[in-house]
Every structure is written in structure tokens, then in C-alpha cells.
Amino acid sequence: MEKRGAKRKPVSLEAKLICNGKDYPAFIENISECGLHMITASKKSIMSFIPEMQLNLKFQSPSGNKTDLYCEIRWVHINKTPIHGLTYRMGTEILEQPPEYMDFFNTLK
């Protein structure tokens, strides 16, 4: 059964996740009006991402517009891989949505 209230749109965007003063590379796989799904990896378990943790996410749209989002982690799935160490898949809710985010979202099919 689907729990989401908003339809997701697939994307392929590199991003920077900022949490507790540290930057982590991230990859956004899909977005909705109020949330997104992303992946980040770490060879060392520097950070534990947990539900209810708040973070900033920065990315650039294909048209070159930069967007900064303030989000809260809703769920996390952790995988161990030989190449990347720990891989975190996260569903996040956007807490503060700047106008440029909705402009970008509305351009997607």
C-alpha cells in the first residue's frame, strides 16, 4: 500500500548533503513537491543518519539554477558494500521550500 501523498518524479542529480557541519556527496533519485529520495555513501562510518535528523541539501538543476533545501530524514535504509563501505538510502521531507524548488519541480515531466 502506498503511503505517499505526493507523486514522485525521477531525477538524476548530484547534490551536497550538509549535516552537523560536515559535507557529504549525495545523489538525488526522485523528488516530489514535499520530499525526495537520495543516496549517500561513506567508506568510513563517519556519520549515522537517522530518522528525524535535520540537514541541508544543495543541488544544481540541469538549467544551472542552484537550490538549497532544509529537510528532515523520514526513513533510512543502510547497506554495506565492499566498494563504498556504508550506503545510505534516505527519504526526506522538505521543511523549508524555496520558490526556485517548485519552479524546478514544475518543469519535470
C-alpha atoms as a PDB file:
ATOM      1  CA  MET A   1       0.000   0.000   0.000  1.00  0.00           C
ATOM      2  CA  GLU A   2       1.339   3.429  -0.983  1.00  0.00           C
ATOM      3  CA  LYS A   3       1.862   5.852   1.945  1.00  0.00           C
ATOM      4  CA  ARG A   4       2.976   8.879  -0.060  1.00  0.00           C
ATOM      5  CA  GLY A   5       0.646  11.799  -0.503  1.00  0.00           C
ATOM      6  CA  ALA A   6       2.579  13.341  -3.401  1.00  0.00           C
ATOM      7  CA  LYS A   7       3.652  11.826  -6.711  1.00  0.00           C
ATOM      8  CA  ARG A   8       7.402  11.307  -7.170  1.00  0.00           C
ATOM      9  CA  LYS A   9       9.265  12.331 -10.308  1.00  0.00           C
ATOM     10  CA  PRO A  10      12.509  10.576 -11.288  1.00  0.00           C
ATOM     11  CA  VAL A  11      15.654  12.721 -11.477  1.00  0.00           C
ATOM     12  CA  SER A  12      19.388  12.129 -11.597  1.00  0.00           C
ATOM     13  CA  LEU A  13      21.076  14.935  -9.675  1.00  0.00           C
ATOM     14  CA  GLU A  14      24.352  15.232  -7.825  1.00  0.00           C
ATOM     15  CA  ALA A  15      23.963  17.047  -4.525  1.00  0.00           C
ATOM     16  CA  LYS A  16      25.781  18.014  -1.355  1.00  0.00           C
ATOM     17  CA  LEU A  17      24.293  16.948   1.950  1.00  0.00           C
ATOM     18  CA  ILE A  18      25.314  19.077   4.945  1.00  0.00           C
ATOM     19  CA  CYS A  19      24.750  17.712   8.433  1.00  0.00           C
ATOM     20  CA  ASN A  20      26.375  18.659  11.742  1.00  0.00           C
ATOM     21  CA  GLY A  21      28.867  20.912   9.952  1.00  0.00           C
ATOM     22  CA  LYS A  22      30.139  18.204   7.576  1.00  0.00           C
ATOM     23  CA  ASP A  23      29.568  17.818   3.817  1.00  0.00           C
ATOM     24  CA  TYR A  24      28.713  14.514   2.153  1.00  0.00           C
ATOM     25  CA  PRO A  25      28.270  13.858  -1.561  1.00  0.00           C
ATOM     26  CA  ALA A  26      24.761  12.681  -2.369  1.00  0.00           C
ATOM     27  CA  PHE A  27      22.739  11.603  -5.372  1.00  0.00           C
ATOM     28  CA  ILE A  28      19.038  12.503  -5.681  1.00  0.00           C
ATOM     29  CA  GLU A  29      16.984   9.786  -7.414  1.00  0.00           C
ATOM     30  CA  ASN A  30      13.455  11.177  -7.208  1.00  0.00           C
ATOM     31  CA  ILE A  31      11.559  14.171  -5.876  1.00  0.00           C
ATOM     32  CA  SER A  32       8.043  15.289  -5.039  1.00  0.00           C
ATOM     33  CA  GLU A  33       6.536  18.607  -4.025  1.00  0.00           C
ATOM     34  CA  CYS A  34       7.329  17.909  -0.390  1.00  0.00           C
ATOM     35  CA  GLY A  35      10.170  15.376  -0.292  1.00  0.00           C
ATOM     36  CA  LEU A  36      12.935  13.492  -2.036  1.00  0.00           C
ATOM     37  CA  HIS A  37      14.829  10.218  -2.099  1.00  0.00           C
ATOM     38  CA  MET A  38      18.616  10.288  -2.109  1.00  0.00           C
ATOM     39  CA  ILE A  39      21.680   8.109  -1.648  1.00  0.00           C
ATOM     40  CA  THR A  40      24.964   8.904   0.072  1.00  0.00           C
ATOM     41  CA  ALA A  41      27.918   6.634   0.817  1.00  0.00           C
ATOM     42  CA  SER A  42      30.863   6.602   3.183  1.00  0.00           C
ATOM     43  CA  LYS A  43      33.872   4.273   3.288  1.00  0.00           C
ATOM     44  CA  LYS A  44      34.049   5.017   6.983  1.00  0.00           C
ATOM     45  CA  SER A  45      31.062   5.257   9.252  1.00  0.00           C
ATOM     46  CA  ILE A  46      31.694   8.944   9.982  1.00  0.00           C
ATOM     47  CA  MET A  47      28.027   9.771  10.328  1.00  0.00           C
ATOM     48  CA  SER A  48      24.933   7.895  11.323  1.00  0.00           C
ATOM     49  CA  PHE A  49      21.898   9.223   9.503  1.00  0.00           C
ATOM     50  CA  ILE A  50      18.725   8.563  11.470  1.00  0.00           C
ATOM     51  CA  PRO A  51      15.042   9.470  11.156  1.00  0.00           C
ATOM     52  CA  GLU A  52      14.118  12.946  12.438  1.00  0.00           C
ATOM     53  CA  MET A  53      17.666  14.237  11.814  1.00  0.00           C
ATOM     54  CA  GLN A  54      17.616  17.587  10.025  1.00  0.00           C
ATOM     55  CA  LEU A  55      20.007  18.520   7.231  1.00  0.00           C
ATOM     56  CA  ASN A  56      20.654  20.916   4.387  1.00  0.00           C
ATOM     57  CA  LEU A  57      20.764  19.709   0.810  1.00  0.00           C
ATOM     58  CA  LYS A  58      22.265  21.723  -2.034  1.00  0.00           C
ATOM     59  CA  PHE A  59      21.979  20.878  -5.712  1.00  0.00           C
ATOM     60  CA  GLN A  60      22.037  22.468  -9.125  1.00  0.00           C
ATOM     61  CA  SER A  61      19.256  21.845 -11.632  1.00  0.00           C
ATOM     62  CA  PRO A  62      20.129  20.902 -15.231  1.00  0.00           C
ATOM     63  CA  SER A  63      19.344  24.514 -16.226  1.00  0.00           C
ATOM     64  CA  GLY A  64      22.037  25.730 -13.786  1.00  0.00           C
ATOM     65  CA  ASN A  65      19.809  27.095 -11.012  1.00  0.00           C
ATOM     66  CA  LYS A  66      21.087  26.390  -7.502  1.00  0.00           C
ATOM     67  CA  THR A  67      18.690  25.228  -4.805  1.00  0.00           C
ATOM     68  CA  ASP A  68      19.194  24.897  -1.044  1.00  0.00           C
ATOM     69  CA  LEU A  69      16.694  22.787   0.882  1.00  0.00           C
ATOM     70  CA  TYR A  70      16.218  22.302   4.612  1.00  0.00           C
ATOM     71  CA  CYS A  71      14.997  18.728   5.162  1.00  0.00           C
ATOM     72  CA  GLU A  72      14.245  16.124   7.786  1.00  0.00           C
ATOM     73  CA  ILE A  73      15.041  12.447   7.335  1.00  0.00           C
ATOM     74  CA  ARG A  74      11.857  10.346   7.483  1.00  0.00           C
ATOM     75  CA  TRP A  75      13.401   6.910   6.869  1.00  0.00           C
ATOM     76  CA  VAL A  76      16.843   5.378   6.254  1.00  0.00           C
ATOM     77  CA  HIS A  77      17.964   2.079   4.741  1.00  0.00           C
ATOM     78  CA  ILE A  78      21.645   1.166   5.218  1.00  0.00           C
ATOM     79  CA  ASN A  79      23.578  -1.263   3.001  1.00  0.00           C
ATOM     80  CA  LYS A  80      27.151  -2.473   3.403  1.00  0.00           C
ATOM     81  CA  THR A  81      29.054  -2.711   0.129  1.00  0.00           C
ATOM     82  CA  PRO A  82      32.695  -3.688  -0.477  1.00  0.00           C
ATOM     83  CA  ILE A  83      33.368  -0.637  -2.665  1.00  0.00           C
ATOM     84  CA  HIS A  84      31.560   2.163  -0.818  1.00  0.00           C
ATOM     85  CA  GLY A  85      31.513   0.922   2.771  1.00  0.00           C
ATOM     86  CA  LEU A  86      28.115   2.084   4.004  1.00  0.00           C
ATOM     87  CA  THR A  87      25.454   3.275   1.582  1.00  0.00           C
ATOM     88  CA  TYR A  88      22.539   5.235   2.994  1.00  0.00           C
ATOM     89  CA  ARG A  89      19.235   5.439   1.101  1.00  0.00           C
ATOM     90  CA  MET A  90      17.057   8.137   2.641  1.00  0.00           C
ATOM     91  CA  GLY A  91      13.586   9.510   2.267  1.00  0.00           C
ATOM     92  CA  THR A  92      13.400  13.128   3.374  1.00  0.00           C
ATOM     93  CA  GLU A  93      10.679  15.698   3.907  1.00  0.00           C
ATOM     94  CA  ILE A  94      11.378  19.253   2.780  1.00  0.00           C
ATOM     95  CA  LEU A  95      10.823  21.556   5.770  1.00  0.00           C
ATOM     96  CA  GLU A  96      11.587  24.865   4.062  1.00  0.00           C
ATOM     97  CA  GLN A  97      10.773  25.014   0.385  1.00  0.00           C
ATOM     98  CA  PRO A  98      12.226  27.953  -1.565  1.00  0.00           C
ATOM     99  CA  PRO A  99      10.289  29.191  -4.644  1.00  0.00           C
ATOM    100  CA  GLU A 100      13.044  28.021  -7.017  1.00  0.00           C
ATOM    101  CA  TYR A 101      12.451  24.427  -5.896  1.00  0.00           C
ATOM    102  CA  MET A 102       8.823  24.459  -7.059  1.00  0.00           C
ATOM    103  CA  ASP A 103       9.871  26.204 -10.285  1.00  0.00           C
ATOM    104  CA  PHE A 104      12.293  23.332 -10.937  1.00  0.00           C
ATOM    105  CA  PHE A 105       9.793  20.657  -9.852  1.00  0.00           C
ATOM    106  CA  ASN A 106       7.102  22.025 -12.185  1.00  0.00           C
ATOM    107  CA  THR A 107       9.450  21.761 -15.204  1.00  0.00           C
ATOM    108  CA  LEU A 108       9.777  17.992 -14.734  1.00  0.00           C
ATOM    109  CA  LYS A 109       7.557  15.504 -16.536  1.00  0.00           C
END
